Amino acid sequence: MEEPGFRVLLREAGDRKMEAVRAVRTVTGLSLWNSKLLLDSAPVVVTGPNWLEVADEAARLLEDAGARAAVLCDWCDRTITRGADPMDPAPCKGPWPAEACRASCPPASL
């Protein structure tokens, strides 16, 4: 069975815009100019599908810089509540069994 990917949604730039631009640059690898353009176009997805831990770390970096970010599940497009267990108690709306959805049932290693 294919693993779901998790994307990071940048919701708002926040008050510390320069720090947020640098965080977007760190997460995406874009230039400062393109990072600023991406930040100005919020809400926008800033990462492609990735492992939950990678997406969670990227969202943490953005939030530490003052931006508002969320992690989205590619299977069911739900917003993942970081640090919760289960992350989202609602059933998965994707085509896979709910017990396989990491948005509902995170791995035991987290």
PDB file of N, CA and C in Angstrom:
ATOM      1  N   MET A   1       0.841  -1.172   0.000  1.00  0.00           N
ATOM      2  CA  MET A   1       0.000   0.000   0.000  1.00  0.00           C
ATOM      3  C   MET A   1       0.893   1.245   0.000  1.00  0.00           C
ATOM      4  N   GLU A   2       0.523   2.202  -0.768  1.00  0.00           N
ATOM      5  CA  GLU A   2       1.279   3.449  -0.885  1.00  0.00           C
ATOM      6  C   GLU A   2       1.128   4.297   0.375  1.00  0.00           C
ATOM      7  N   GLU A   3       2.236   4.881   0.820  1.00  0.00           N
ATOM      8  CA  GLU A   3       2.212   5.771   1.976  1.00  0.00           C
ATOM      9  C   GLU A   3       1.637   7.129   1.558  1.00  0.00           C
ATOM     10  N   PRO A   4       0.867   7.766   2.432  1.00  0.00           N
ATOM     11  CA  PRO A   4       0.367   9.103   2.098  1.00  0.00           C
ATOM     12  C   PRO A   4       1.494  10.117   2.191  1.00  0.00           C
ATOM     13  N   GLY A   5       1.344  11.188   1.473  1.00  0.00           N
ATOM     14  CA  GLY A   5       2.267  12.299   1.576  1.00  0.00           C
ATOM     15  C   GLY A   5       1.623  13.402   2.396  1.00  0.00           C
ATOM     16  N   PHE A   6       2.437  14.254   2.949  1.00  0.00           N
ATOM     17  CA  PHE A   6       1.939  15.371   3.739  1.00  0.00           C
ATOM     18  C   PHE A   6       2.544  16.658   3.193  1.00  0.00           C
ATOM     19  N   ARG A   7       1.701  17.650   2.964  1.00  0.00           N
ATOM     20  CA  ARG A   7       2.120  18.943   2.434  1.00  0.00           C
ATOM     21  C   ARG A   7       2.024  19.990   3.531  1.00  0.00           C
ATOM     22  N   VAL A   8       2.776  21.058   3.381  1.00  0.00           N
ATOM     23  CA  VAL A   8       2.716  22.165   4.340  1.00  0.00           C
ATOM     24  C   VAL A   8       1.998  23.328   3.665  1.00  0.00           C
ATOM     25  N   LEU A   9       0.941  23.789   4.316  1.00  0.00           N
ATOM     26  CA  LEU A   9       0.168  24.930   3.844  1.00  0.00           C
ATOM     27  C   LEU A   9       0.568  26.147   4.660  1.00  0.00           C
ATOM     28  N   LEU A  10       1.059  27.176   3.990  1.00  0.00           N
ATOM     29  CA  LEU A  10       1.372  28.445   4.637  1.00  0.00           C
ATOM     30  C   LEU A  10       0.088  29.264   4.639  1.00  0.00           C
ATOM     31  N   ARG A  11      -0.460  29.497   5.818  1.00  0.00           N
ATOM     32  CA  ARG A  11      -1.744  30.197   5.924  1.00  0.00           C
ATOM     33  C   ARG A  11      -1.592  31.713   5.940  1.00  0.00           C
ATOM     34  N   GLU A  12      -0.639  32.213   6.736  1.00  0.00           N
ATOM     35  CA  GLU A  12      -0.410  33.660   6.876  1.00  0.00           C
ATOM     36  C   GLU A  12       1.058  33.927   7.105  1.00  0.00           C
ATOM     37  N   ALA A  13       1.488  35.122   6.705  1.00  0.00           N
ATOM     38  CA  ALA A  13       2.883  35.508   6.885  1.00  0.00           C
ATOM     39  C   ALA A  13       3.206  35.814   8.345  1.00  0.00           C
ATOM     40  N   GLY A  14       2.247  36.350   9.072  1.00  0.00           N
ATOM     41  CA  GLY A  14       2.504  36.730  10.458  1.00  0.00           C
ATOM     42  C   GLY A  14       3.122  38.118  10.546  1.00  0.00           C
ATOM     43  N   ASP A  15       3.494  38.517  11.756  1.00  0.00           N
ATOM     44  CA  ASP A  15       4.025  39.859  12.006  1.00  0.00           C
ATOM     45  C   ASP A  15       5.517  39.982  11.719  1.00  0.00           C
ATOM     46  N   ARG A  16       6.253  38.902  11.828  1.00  0.00           N
ATOM     47  CA  ARG A  16       7.710  38.934  11.626  1.00  0.00           C
ATOM     48  C   ARG A  16       8.036  38.468  10.204  1.00  0.00           C
ATOM     49  N   LYS A  17       7.739  39.331   9.251  1.00  0.00           N
ATOM     50  CA  LYS A  17       7.788  38.948   7.839  1.00  0.00           C
ATOM     51  C   LYS A  17       9.185  38.546   7.369  1.00  0.00           C
ATOM     52  N   MET A  18      10.215  39.252   7.774  1.00  0.00           N
ATOM     53  CA  MET A  18      11.571  38.900   7.319  1.00  0.00           C
ATOM     54  C   MET A  18      11.984  37.523   7.832  1.00  0.00           C
ATOM     55  N   GLU A  19      11.656  37.235   9.077  1.00  0.00           N
ATOM     56  CA  GLU A  19      11.962  35.906   9.615  1.00  0.00           C
ATOM     57  C   GLU A  19      11.177  34.839   8.862  1.00  0.00           C
ATOM     58  N   ALA A  20       9.928  35.143   8.528  1.00  0.00           N
ATOM     59  CA  ALA A  20       9.097  34.198   7.787  1.00  0.00           C
ATOM     60  C   ALA A  20       9.647  33.962   6.383  1.00  0.00           C
ATOM     61  N   VAL A  21      10.147  35.013   5.734  1.00  0.00           N
ATOM     62  CA  VAL A  21      10.759  34.860   4.408  1.00  0.00           C
ATOM     63  C   VAL A  21      11.963  33.925   4.484  1.00  0.00           C
ATOM     64  N   ARG A  22      12.795  34.128   5.500  1.00  0.00           N
ATOM     65  CA  ARG A  22      13.964  33.244   5.677  1.00  0.00           C
ATOM     66  C   ARG A  22      13.539  31.801   5.947  1.00  0.00           C
ATOM     67  N   ALA A  23      12.469  31.626   6.716  1.00  0.00           N
ATOM     68  CA  ALA A  23      11.978  30.274   7.003  1.00  0.00           C
ATOM     69  C   ALA A  23      11.437  29.615   5.734  1.00  0.00           C
ATOM     70  N   VAL A  24      10.719  30.374   4.917  1.00  0.00           N
ATOM     71  CA  VAL A  24      10.227  29.835   3.638  1.00  0.00           C
ATOM     72  C   VAL A  24      11.410  29.435   2.772  1.00  0.00           C
ATOM     73  N   ARG A  25      12.448  30.256   2.762  1.00  0.00           N
ATOM     74  CA  ARG A  25      13.650  29.931   1.985  1.00  0.00           C
ATOM     75  C   ARG A  25      14.290  28.636   2.495  1.00  0.00           C
ATOM     76  N   THR A  26      14.367  28.470   3.797  1.00  0.00           N
ATOM     77  CA  THR A  26      14.939  27.255   4.386  1.00  0.00           C
ATOM     78  C   THR A  26      14.125  26.030   4.000  1.00  0.00           C
ATOM     79  N   VAL A  27      12.815  26.147   4.061  1.00  0.00           N
ATOM     80  CA  VAL A  27      11.924  25.020   3.781  1.00  0.00           C
ATOM     81  C   VAL A  27      11.899  24.665   2.301  1.00  0.00           C
ATOM     82  N   THR A  28      11.886  25.669   1.433  1.00  0.00           N
ATOM     83  CA  THR A  28      11.702  25.427  -0.003  1.00  0.00           C
ATOM     84  C   THR A  28      12.987  25.402  -0.816  1.00  0.00           C
ATOM     85  N   GLY A  29      14.019  26.103  -0.343  1.00  0.00           N
ATOM     86  CA  GLY A  29      15.246  26.214  -1.126  1.00  0.00           C
ATOM     87  C   GLY A  29      15.172  27.300  -2.188  1.00  0.00           C
ATOM     88  N   LEU A  30      14.118  28.101  -2.167  1.00  0.00           N
ATOM     89  CA  LEU A  30      13.965  29.193  -3.134  1.00  0.00           C
ATOM     90  C   LEU A  30      14.860  30.374  -2.765  1.00  0.00           C
ATOM     91  N   SER A  31      15.024  31.285  -3.708  1.00  0.00           N
ATOM     92  CA  SER A  31      15.767  32.510  -3.421  1.00  0.00           C
ATOM     93  C   SER A  31      14.954  33.375  -2.454  1.00  0.00           C
ATOM     94  N   LEU A  32      15.600  34.382  -1.872  1.00  0.00           N
ATOM     95  CA  LEU A  32      14.881  35.283  -0.965  1.00  0.00           C
ATOM     96  C   LEU A  32      13.726  35.971  -1.679  1.00  0.00           C
ATOM     97  N   TRP A  33      13.965  36.406  -2.917  1.00  0.00           N
ATOM     98  CA  TRP A  33      12.921  37.096  -3.683  1.00  0.00           C
ATOM     99  C   TRP A  33      11.723  36.176  -3.918  1.00  0.00           C
ATOM    100  N   ASN A  34      11.976  34.953  -4.386  1.00  0.00           N
ATOM    101  CA  ASN A  34      10.884  34.013  -4.637  1.00  0.00           C
ATOM    102  C   ASN A  34      10.215  33.566  -3.340  1.00  0.00           C
ATOM    103  N   SER A  35      10.971  33.486  -2.261  1.00  0.00           N
ATOM    104  CA  SER A  35      10.390  33.157  -0.960  1.00  0.00           C
ATOM    105  C   SER A  35       9.438  34.254  -0.515  1.00  0.00           C
ATOM    106  N   LYS A  36       9.816  35.527  -0.748  1.00  0.00           N
ATOM    107  CA  LYS A  36       8.941  36.648  -0.405  1.00  0.00           C
ATOM    108  C   LYS A  36       7.671  36.610  -1.246  1.00  0.00           C
ATOM    109  N   LEU A  37       7.816  36.318  -2.545  1.00  0.00           N
ATOM    110  CA  LEU A  37       6.639  36.225  -3.416  1.00  0.00           C
ATOM    111  C   LEU A  37       5.704  35.109  -2.963  1.00  0.00           C
ATOM    112  N   LEU A  38       6.278  33.988  -2.579  1.00  0.00           N
ATOM    113  CA  LEU A  38       5.476  32.868  -2.095  1.00  0.00           C
ATOM    114  C   LEU A  38       4.767  33.243  -0.798  1.00  0.00           C
ATOM    115  N   LEU A  39       5.480  33.895   0.097  1.00  0.00           N
ATOM    116  CA  LEU A  39       4.906  34.325   1.369  1.00  0.00           C
ATOM    117  C   LEU A  39       3.757  35.306   1.142  1.00  0.00           C
ATOM    118  N   ASP A  40       3.934  36.210   0.178  1.00  0.00           N
ATOM    119  CA  ASP A  40       2.901  37.203  -0.122  1.00  0.00           C
ATOM    120  C   ASP A  40       1.658  36.582  -0.758  1.00  0.00           C
ATOM    121  N   SER A  41       1.780  35.377  -1.301  1.00  0.00           N
ATOM    122  CA  SER A  41       0.632  34.740  -1.952  1.00  0.00           C
ATOM    123  C   SER A  41      -0.116  33.785  -1.019  1.00  0.00           C
ATOM    124  N   ALA A  42       0.183  33.842   0.287  1.00  0.00           N
ATOM    125  CA  ALA A  42      -0.494  32.964   1.263  1.00  0.00           C
ATOM    126  C   ALA A  42      -1.996  33.215   1.231  1.00  0.00           C
ATOM    127  N   PRO A  43      -2.808  32.192   1.394  1.00  0.00           N
ATOM    128  CA  PRO A  43      -2.477  30.809   1.706  1.00  0.00           C
ATOM    129  C   PRO A  43      -1.991  30.058   0.463  1.00  0.00           C
ATOM    130  N   VAL A  44      -0.916  29.296   0.641  1.00  0.00           N
ATOM    131  CA  VAL A  44      -0.303  28.562  -0.455  1.00  0.00           C
ATOM    132  C   VAL A  44       0.426  27.337   0.102  1.00  0.00           C
ATOM    133  N   VAL A  45       0.436  26.271  -0.677  1.00  0.00           N
ATOM    134  CA  VAL A  45       1.181  25.074  -0.293  1.00  0.00           C
ATOM    135  C   VAL A  45       2.650  25.326  -0.617  1.00  0.00           C
ATOM    136  N   VAL A  46       3.530  25.148   0.365  1.00  0.00           N
ATOM    137  CA  VAL A  46       4.948  25.458   0.178  1.00  0.00           C
ATOM    138  C   VAL A  46       5.832  24.234  -0.005  1.00  0.00           C
ATOM    139  N   THR A  47       5.315  23.036   0.269  1.00  0.00           N
ATOM    140  CA  THR A  47       6.100  21.824   0.046  1.00  0.00           C
ATOM    141  C   THR A  47       5.260  20.804  -0.700  1.00  0.00           C
ATOM    142  N   GLY A  48       5.925  19.933  -1.416  1.00  0.00           N
ATOM    143  CA  GLY A  48       5.245  18.828  -2.068  1.00  0.00           C
ATOM    144  C   GLY A  48       5.007  17.716  -1.071  1.00  0.00           C
ATOM    145  N   PRO A  49       4.389  16.635  -1.524  1.00  0.00           N
ATOM    146  CA  PRO A  49       4.150  15.507  -0.617  1.00  0.00           C
ATOM    147  C   PRO A  49       5.450  14.980  -0.028  1.00  0.00           C
ATOM    148  N   ASN A  50       5.445  14.769   1.276  1.00  0.00           N
ATOM    149  CA  ASN A  50       6.639  14.315   1.972  1.00  0.00           C
ATOM    150  C   ASN A  50       6.221  13.473   3.171  1.00  0.00           C
ATOM    151  N   TRP A  51       7.181  12.920   3.887  1.00  0.00           N
ATOM    152  CA  TRP A  51       6.901  12.170   5.105  1.00  0.00           C
ATOM    153  C   TRP A  51       6.303  13.102   6.136  1.00  0.00           C
ATOM    154  N   LEU A  52       5.499  12.557   7.018  1.00  0.00           N
ATOM    155  CA  LEU A  52       4.857  13.338   8.064  1.00  0.00           C
ATOM    156  C   LEU A  52       5.874  14.083   8.911  1.00  0.00           C
ATOM    157  N   GLU A  53       6.956  13.425   9.282  1.00  0.00           N
ATOM    158  CA  GLU A  53       7.964  14.047  10.140  1.00  0.00           C
ATOM    159  C   GLU A  53       8.631  15.235   9.452  1.00  0.00           C
ATOM    160  N   VAL A  54       8.878  15.124   8.154  1.00  0.00           N
ATOM    161  CA  VAL A  54       9.498  16.207   7.387  1.00  0.00           C
ATOM    162  C   VAL A  54       8.531  17.385   7.277  1.00  0.00           C
ATOM    163  N   ALA A  55       7.275  17.104   6.968  1.00  0.00           N
ATOM    164  CA  ALA A  55       6.276  18.171   6.853  1.00  0.00           C
ATOM    165  C   ALA A  55       6.052  18.842   8.204  1.00  0.00           C
ATOM    166  N   ASP A  56       6.033  18.061   9.268  1.00  0.00           N
ATOM    167  CA  ASP A  56       5.838  18.603  10.606  1.00  0.00           C
ATOM    168  C   ASP A  56       7.003  19.526  10.989  1.00  0.00           C
ATOM    169  N   GLU A  57       8.216  19.135  10.656  1.00  0.00           N
ATOM    170  CA  GLU A  57       9.394  19.966  10.949  1.00  0.00           C
ATOM    171  C   GLU A  57       9.350  21.262  10.142  1.00  0.00           C
ATOM    172  N   ALA A  58       8.935  21.184   8.859  1.00  0.00           N
ATOM    173  CA  ALA A  58       8.835  22.383   8.021  1.00  0.00           C
ATOM    174  C   ALA A  58       7.788  23.341   8.596  1.00  0.00           C
ATOM    175  N   ALA A  59       6.646  22.815   9.016  1.00  0.00           N
ATOM    176  CA  ALA A  59       5.602  23.650   9.607  1.00  0.00           C
ATOM    177  C   ALA A  59       6.102  24.281  10.909  1.00  0.00           C
ATOM    178  N   ARG A  60       6.858  23.531  11.698  1.00  0.00           N
ATOM    179  CA  ARG A  60       7.410  24.067  12.947  1.00  0.00           C
ATOM    180  C   ARG A  60       8.366  25.224  12.668  1.00  0.00           C
ATOM    181  N   LEU A  61       9.228  25.067  11.645  1.00  0.00           N
ATOM    182  CA  LEU A  61      10.160  26.143  11.275  1.00  0.00           C
ATOM    183  C   LEU A  61       9.406  27.411  10.886  1.00  0.00           C
ATOM    184  N   LEU A  62       8.352  27.258  10.101  1.00  0.00           N
ATOM    185  CA  LEU A  62       7.564  28.410   9.678  1.00  0.00           C
ATOM    186  C   LEU A  62       6.876  29.071  10.876  1.00  0.00           C
ATOM    187  N   GLU A  63       6.317  28.267  11.756  1.00  0.00           N
ATOM    188  CA  GLU A  63       5.635  28.819  12.923  1.00  0.00           C
ATOM    189  C   GLU A  63       6.605  29.477  13.892  1.00  0.00           C
ATOM    190  N   ASP A  64       7.801  28.916  14.028  1.00  0.00           N
ATOM    191  CA  ASP A  64       8.814  29.536  14.887  1.00  0.00           C
ATOM    192  C   ASP A  64       9.226  30.912  14.357  1.00  0.00           C
ATOM    193  N   ALA A  65       9.063  31.115  13.045  1.00  0.00           N
ATOM    194  CA  ALA A  65       9.396  32.398  12.433  1.00  0.00           C
ATOM    195  C   ALA A  65       8.215  33.365  12.444  1.00  0.00           C
ATOM    196  N   GLY A  66       7.110  32.957  13.064  1.00  0.00           N
ATOM    197  CA  GLY A  66       5.963  33.853  13.187  1.00  0.00           C
ATOM    198  C   GLY A  66       4.876  33.637  12.159  1.00  0.00           C
ATOM    199  N   ALA A  67       5.090  32.761  11.191  1.00  0.00           N
ATOM    200  CA  ALA A  67       4.070  32.477  10.180  1.00  0.00           C
ATOM    201  C   ALA A  67       3.071  31.463  10.731  1.00  0.00           C
ATOM    202  N   ARG A  68       1.913  31.392  10.116  1.00  0.00           N
ATOM    203  CA  ARG A  68       0.931  30.355  10.468  1.00  0.00           C
ATOM    204  C   ARG A  68       0.983  29.290   9.391  1.00  0.00           C
ATOM    205  N   ALA A  69       1.170  28.041   9.795  1.00  0.00           N
ATOM    206  CA  ALA A  69       1.295  26.933   8.855  1.00  0.00           C
ATOM    207  C   ALA A  69       0.489  25.737   9.343  1.00  0.00           C
ATOM    208  N   ALA A  70       0.151  24.858   8.405  1.00  0.00           N
ATOM    209  CA  ALA A  70      -0.582  23.639   8.735  1.00  0.00           C
ATOM    210  C   ALA A  70      -0.039  22.501   7.881  1.00  0.00           C
ATOM    211  N   VAL A  71      -0.202  21.283   8.375  1.00  0.00           N
ATOM    212  CA  VAL A  71       0.192  20.086   7.642  1.00  0.00           C
ATOM    213  C   VAL A  71      -1.087  19.449   7.105  1.00  0.00           C
ATOM    214  N   LEU A  72      -1.087  19.137   5.793  1.00  0.00           N
ATOM    215  CA  LEU A  72      -2.256  18.542   5.145  1.00  0.00           C
ATOM    216  C   LEU A  72      -1.937  17.133   4.675  1.00  0.00           C
ATOM    217  N   CYS A  73      -2.879  16.215   4.867  1.00  0.00           N
ATOM    218  CA  CYS A  73      -2.738  14.839   4.398  1.00  0.00           C
ATOM    219  C   CYS A  73      -3.128  14.774   2.923  1.00  0.00           C
ATOM    220  N   ASP A  74      -2.291  14.141   2.098  1.00  0.00           N
ATOM    221  CA  ASP A  74      -2.612  13.982   0.680  1.00  0.00           C
ATOM    222  C   ASP A  74      -3.742  12.987   0.434  1.00  0.00           C
ATOM    223  N   TRP A  75      -3.926  12.059   1.345  1.00  0.00           N
ATOM    224  CA  TRP A  75      -4.975  11.059   1.159  1.00  0.00           C
ATOM    225  C   TRP A  75      -6.360  11.661   1.293  1.00  0.00           C
ATOM    226  N   CYS A  76      -6.541  12.476   2.326  1.00  0.00           N
ATOM    227  CA  CYS A  76      -7.895  12.931   2.632  1.00  0.00           C
ATOM    228  C   CYS A  76      -8.013  14.459   2.739  1.00  0.00           C
ATOM    229  N   ASP A  77      -6.927  15.186   2.482  1.00  0.00           N
ATOM    230  CA  ASP A  77      -6.909  16.648   2.526  1.00  0.00           C
ATOM    231  C   ASP A  77      -7.312  17.231   3.876  1.00  0.00           C
ATOM    232  N   ARG A  78      -7.132  16.453   4.941  1.00  0.00           N
ATOM    233  CA  ARG A  78      -7.427  16.972   6.270  1.00  0.00           C
ATOM    234  C   ARG A  78      -6.218  17.696   6.827  1.00  0.00           C
ATOM    235  N   THR A  79      -6.479  18.685   7.659  1.00  0.00           N
ATOM    236  CA  THR A  79      -5.423  19.384   8.373  1.00  0.00           C
ATOM    237  C   THR A  79      -5.020  18.537   9.567  1.00  0.00           C
ATOM    238  N   ILE A  80      -3.727  18.308   9.711  1.00  0.00           N
ATOM    239  CA  ILE A  80      -3.212  17.495  10.799  1.00  0.00           C
ATOM    240  C   ILE A  80      -2.946  18.388  11.995  1.00  0.00           C
ATOM    241  N   THR A  81      -3.469  18.013  13.143  1.00  0.00           N
ATOM    242  CA  THR A  81      -3.197  18.729  14.375  1.00  0.00           C
ATOM    243  C   THR A  81      -1.871  18.221  14.905  1.00  0.00           C
ATOM    244  N   ARG A  82      -0.869  19.063  14.876  1.00  0.00           N
ATOM    245  CA  ARG A  82       0.477  18.636  15.265  1.00  0.00           C
ATOM    246  C   ARG A  82       0.536  18.316  16.745  1.00  0.00           C
ATOM    247  N   GLY A  83       1.134  17.158  17.048  1.00  0.00           N
ATOM    248  CA  GLY A  83       1.348  16.759  18.422  1.00  0.00           C
ATOM    249  C   GLY A  83       0.181  16.040  19.070  1.00  0.00           C
ATOM    250  N   ALA A  84      -0.947  15.898  18.376  1.00  0.00           N
ATOM    251  CA  ALA A  84      -2.106  15.218  18.948  1.00  0.00           C
ATOM    252  C   ALA A  84      -2.030  13.724  18.656  1.00  0.00           C
ATOM    253  N   ASP A  85      -2.751  12.926  19.467  1.00  0.00           N
ATOM    254  CA  ASP A  85      -2.761  11.473  19.249  1.00  0.00           C
ATOM    255  C   ASP A  85      -4.133  10.934  19.597  1.00  0.00           C
ATOM    256  N   PRO A  86      -4.984  10.508  18.655  1.00  0.00           N
ATOM    257  CA  PRO A  86      -4.733  10.536  17.225  1.00  0.00           C
ATOM    258  C   PRO A  86      -4.735  11.968  16.711  1.00  0.00           C
ATOM    259  N   MET A  87      -4.110  12.165  15.583  1.00  0.00           N
ATOM    260  CA  MET A  87      -3.975  13.512  15.054  1.00  0.00           C
ATOM    261  C   MET A  87      -5.318  14.112  14.679  1.00  0.00           C
ATOM    262  N   ASP A  88      -6.198  13.303  14.099  1.00  0.00           N
ATOM    263  CA  ASP A  88      -7.538  13.738  13.741  1.00  0.00           C
ATOM    264  C   ASP A  88      -8.446  12.531  13.931  1.00  0.00           C
ATOM    265  N   PRO A  89      -9.342  12.543  14.910  1.00  0.00           N
ATOM    266  CA  PRO A  89     -10.147  11.361  15.196  1.00  0.00           C
ATOM    267  C   PRO A  89     -11.225  11.062  14.163  1.00  0.00           C
ATOM    268  N   ALA A  90     -11.495  11.977  13.244  1.00  0.00           N
ATOM    269  CA  ALA A  90     -12.522  11.734  12.225  1.00  0.00           C
ATOM    270  C   ALA A  90     -12.056  10.642  11.265  1.00  0.00           C
ATOM    271  N   PRO A  91     -12.995   9.895  10.673  1.00  0.00           N
ATOM    272  CA  PRO A  91     -12.591   8.841   9.739  1.00  0.00           C
ATOM    273  C   PRO A  91     -11.990   9.421   8.455  1.00  0.00           C
ATOM    274  N   CYS A  92     -11.067   8.672   7.886  1.00  0.00           N
ATOM    275  CA  CYS A  92     -10.414   9.086   6.648  1.00  0.00           C
ATOM    276  C   CYS A  92     -11.419   9.055   5.502  1.00  0.00           C
ATOM    277  N   LYS A  93     -11.388  10.079   4.668  1.00  0.00           N
ATOM    278  CA  LYS A  93     -12.281  10.140   3.524  1.00  0.00           C
ATOM    279  C   LYS A  93     -11.584   9.705   2.238  1.00  0.00           C
ATOM    280  N   GLY A  94     -10.353   9.246   2.357  1.00  0.00           N
ATOM    281  CA  GLY A  94      -9.606   8.782   1.195  1.00  0.00           C
ATOM    282  C   GLY A  94     -10.033   7.385   0.784  1.00  0.00           C
ATOM    283  N   PRO A  95      -9.475   6.873  -0.296  1.00  0.00           N
ATOM    284  CA  PRO A  95      -9.855   5.555  -0.804  1.00  0.00           C
ATOM    285  C   PRO A  95      -9.227   4.391  -0.044  1.00  0.00           C
ATOM    286  N   TRP A  96      -8.437   4.667   0.989  1.00  0.00           N
ATOM    287  CA  TRP A  96      -7.752   3.618   1.728  1.00  0.00           C
ATOM    288  C   TRP A  96      -8.464   3.360   3.046  1.00  0.00           C
ATOM    289  N   PRO A  97      -8.198   2.234   3.685  1.00  0.00           N
ATOM    290  CA  PRO A  97      -8.826   1.951   4.981  1.00  0.00           C
ATOM    291  C   PRO A  97      -8.430   2.993   6.027  1.00  0.00           C
ATOM    292  N   ALA A  98      -9.382   3.341   6.893  1.00  0.00           N
ATOM    293  CA  ALA A  98      -9.139   4.387   7.898  1.00  0.00           C
ATOM    294  C   ALA A  98      -7.979   4.047   8.814  1.00  0.00           C
ATOM    295  N   GLU A  99      -7.773   2.764   9.120  1.00  0.00           N
ATOM    296  CA  GLU A  99      -6.681   2.397  10.026  1.00  0.00           C
ATOM    297  C   GLU A  99      -5.310   2.596   9.375  1.00  0.00           C
ATOM    298  N   ALA A 100      -5.270   2.756   8.055  1.00  0.00           N
ATOM    299  CA  ALA A 100      -4.008   2.988   7.359  1.00  0.00           C
ATOM    300  C   ALA A 100      -3.687   4.477   7.237  1.00  0.00           C
ATOM    301  N   CYS A 101      -4.661   5.338   7.494  1.00  0.00           N
ATOM    302  CA  CYS A 101      -4.472   6.782   7.332  1.00  0.00           C
ATOM    303  C   CYS A 101      -3.690   7.332   8.512  1.00  0.00           C
ATOM    304  N   ARG A 102      -2.530   7.930   8.255  1.00  0.00           N
ATOM    305  CA  ARG A 102      -1.698   8.464   9.328  1.00  0.00           C
ATOM    306  C   ARG A 102      -2.289   9.721   9.941  1.00  0.00           C
ATOM    307  N   ALA A 103      -3.253  10.343   9.250  1.00  0.00           N
ATOM    308  CA  ALA A 103      -3.937  11.491   9.844  1.00  0.00           C
ATOM    309  C   ALA A 103      -4.835  11.025  10.994  1.00  0.00           C
ATOM    310  N   SER A 104      -5.362   9.810  10.890  1.00  0.00           N
ATOM    311  CA  SER A 104      -6.207   9.255  11.943  1.00  0.00           C
ATOM    312  C   SER A 104      -5.399   8.442  12.942  1.00  0.00           C
ATOM    313  N   CYS A 105      -4.446   7.677  12.442  1.00  0.00           N
ATOM    314  CA  CYS A 105      -3.667   6.757  13.270  1.00  0.00           C
ATOM    315  C   CYS A 105      -2.179   6.958  13.023  1.00  0.00           C
ATOM    316  N   PRO A 106      -1.537   7.865  13.740  1.00  0.00           N
ATOM    317  CA  PRO A 106      -0.112   8.080  13.531  1.00  0.00           C
ATOM    318  C   PRO A 106       0.680   6.837  13.923  1.00  0.00           C
ATOM    319  N   PRO A 107       1.863   6.666  13.347  1.00  0.00           N
ATOM    320  CA  PRO A 107       2.673   5.510  13.709  1.00  0.00           C
ATOM    321  C   PRO A 107       3.074   5.562  15.175  1.00  0.00           C
ATOM    322  N   ALA A 108       3.354   4.402  15.735  1.00  0.00           N
ATOM    323  CA  ALA A 108       3.700   4.315  17.153  1.00  0.00           C
ATOM    324  C   ALA A 108       5.007   5.022  17.484  1.00  0.00           C
ATOM    325  N   SER A 109       5.860   5.242  16.469  1.00  0.00           N
ATOM    326  CA  SER A 109       7.158   5.856  16.720  1.00  0.00           C
ATOM    327  C   SER A 109       7.087   7.358  16.967  1.00  0.00           C
ATOM    328  N   LEU A 110       5.961   8.002  16.673  1.00  0.00           N
ATOM    329  CA  LEU A 110       5.862   9.452  16.880  1.00  0.00           C
ATOM    330  C   LEU A 110       5.696   9.792  18.323  1.00  0.00           C
TER     331      LEU A 110
END
